[in-house]
Amino acid sequence: MKKLSYLLISLTFTFACVSLWAMLTAVAKLSPHWSQTLPAFTRLCLDLSPWLLALPIPVVAFCVFALVRRNERQGQEWGLTFLAGSMTTLCLIFFPVLLAVLLPVFQSLEGK
């Protein structure tokens, strides 16, 4: 059951990172069609968006390590630490990306 939990956590984290990358890519592809320039924070997040595809690598690596590990008794608290660490990282990444995606919308509403 623990191994299934590791797998679900890593899949959720990977899907969320790819989704955030896709949102930023959509903003980057639509930005030439807007009359106003993008806010500086949005441009910063667009420049850093390829790192969103690299974030799942350590999470998936730990999941593979947990799946092939033989001794289940050693490191009972790793499951909770893995969940807390990956979801905290996801929250710390999600909210700035959400703000970066919504800033151009707020800017266009303010301009009208």
Protein backbone atom coordinates (compact mmCIF):
# COMPACT_ATOMS: atom_id res chain seq x y z
CA MET A 1 0.00 0.00 0.00
CA LYS A 2 2.88 2.37 0.77
CA LYS A 3 4.40 1.79 -2.63
CA LEU A 4 1.10 2.70 -4.28
CA SER A 5 1.06 5.89 -2.22
CA TYR A 6 4.57 6.79 -3.39
CA LEU A 7 3.50 6.20 -6.96
CA LEU A 8 0.33 8.31 -6.66
CA ILE A 9 2.19 11.18 -5.00
CA SER A 10 4.87 11.25 -7.66
CA LEU A 11 2.30 11.04 -10.47
CA THR A 12 0.28 13.89 -8.95
CA PHE A 13 3.37 16.04 -8.54
CA THR A 14 4.54 15.32 -12.09
CA PHE A 15 1.13 16.04 -13.60
CA ALA A 16 0.87 19.31 -11.66
CA CYS A 17 4.32 20.48 -12.78
CA VAL A 18 3.58 19.66 -16.42
CA SER A 19 0.22 21.45 -16.16
CA LEU A 20 1.84 24.56 -14.71
CA TRP A 21 4.45 24.48 -17.48
CA ALA A 22 1.65 24.20 -20.07
CA MET A 23 -0.16 27.21 -18.57
CA LEU A 24 3.00 29.31 -18.79
CA THR A 25 3.65 28.10 -22.32
CA ALA A 26 0.12 29.14 -23.31
CA VAL A 27 0.73 32.61 -21.89
CA ALA A 28 4.02 32.84 -23.79
CA LYS A 29 2.37 31.85 -27.07
CA LEU A 30 -0.55 34.25 -26.61
CA SER A 31 1.47 37.24 -25.41
CA PRO A 32 2.48 38.51 -28.89
CA HIS A 33 -1.21 39.01 -29.66
CA TRP A 34 -1.80 41.32 -26.68
CA SER A 35 -1.48 45.05 -27.05
CA GLN A 36 0.26 45.52 -23.69
CA THR A 37 3.59 44.10 -22.61
CA LEU A 38 3.68 41.38 -20.00
CA PRO A 39 4.38 42.30 -16.37
CA ALA A 40 7.94 41.73 -15.17
CA PHE A 41 6.96 38.91 -12.79
CA THR A 42 5.20 37.07 -15.60
CA ARG A 43 8.24 37.42 -17.85
CA LEU A 44 10.43 36.10 -15.02
CA CYS A 45 8.19 33.06 -14.58
CA LEU A 46 8.17 32.49 -18.34
CA ASP A 47 11.97 32.51 -18.35
CA LEU A 48 12.05 29.99 -15.49
CA SER A 49 9.29 27.74 -16.86
CA PRO A 50 11.63 25.02 -18.23
CA TRP A 51 12.64 24.31 -14.63
CA LEU A 52 9.08 23.13 -14.00
CA LEU A 53 9.86 20.12 -16.18
CA ALA A 54 12.97 19.35 -14.11
CA LEU A 55 11.21 19.52 -10.73
CA PRO A 56 9.63 16.04 -10.92
CA ILE A 57 12.98 14.31 -11.55
CA PRO A 58 14.00 14.02 -7.84
CA VAL A 59 10.46 13.07 -6.87
CA VAL A 60 10.29 10.30 -9.45
CA ALA A 61 13.81 9.17 -8.50
CA PHE A 62 12.79 8.81 -4.86
CA CYS A 63 9.64 6.96 -5.93
CA VAL A 64 11.73 4.49 -7.92
CA PHE A 65 14.06 4.11 -4.93
CA ALA A 66 11.09 3.43 -2.66
CA LEU A 67 9.64 0.88 -5.10
CA VAL A 68 12.82 -1.16 -5.38
CA ARG A 69 13.80 -0.89 -1.71
CA ARG A 70 13.79 -4.26 0.06
CA ASN A 71 13.61 -3.39 3.75
CA GLU A 72 10.17 -1.99 4.62
CA ARG A 73 10.91 -1.63 8.34
CA GLN A 74 13.64 0.90 7.79
CA GLY A 75 12.37 4.46 7.39
CA GLN A 76 8.71 4.18 8.33
CA GLU A 77 8.35 7.98 8.45
CA TRP A 78 9.60 8.45 4.87
CA GLY A 79 6.08 8.23 3.45
CA LEU A 80 4.77 11.18 5.42
CA THR A 81 7.95 13.17 4.80
CA PHE A 82 7.71 12.43 1.08
CA LEU A 83 4.08 13.57 0.98
CA ALA A 84 4.72 16.71 3.00
CA GLY A 85 7.82 17.68 1.06
CA SER A 86 6.38 17.17 -2.39
CA MET A 87 3.07 18.88 -1.67
CA THR A 88 4.78 21.82 0.06
CA THR A 89 7.02 22.25 -2.97
CA LEU A 90 4.00 22.07 -5.23
CA CYS A 91 2.18 24.76 -3.25
CA LEU A 92 5.23 27.01 -3.23
CA ILE A 93 5.42 26.70 -7.02
CA PHE A 94 1.69 26.76 -7.80
CA PHE A 95 0.78 30.11 -6.29
CA PRO A 96 3.50 32.21 -7.99
CA VAL A 97 2.72 30.57 -11.34
CA LEU A 98 -0.98 31.23 -10.86
CA LEU A 99 -0.20 34.86 -10.09
CA ALA A 100 2.05 35.10 -13.15
CA VAL A 101 -0.73 33.73 -15.37
CA LEU A 102 -3.39 36.02 -13.92
CA LEU A 103 -1.32 39.24 -13.89
CA PRO A 104 -1.80 39.90 -17.63
CA VAL A 105 -5.54 39.40 -17.19
CA PHE A 106 -5.63 41.94 -14.36
CA GLN A 107 -3.48 44.29 -16.42
CA SER A 108 -5.85 44.09 -19.40
CA LEU A 109 -8.89 44.64 -17.18
CA GLU A 110 -7.24 47.67 -15.64
CA GLY A 111 -6.41 49.13 -19.07
CA LYS A 112 -10.02 49.06 -20.29
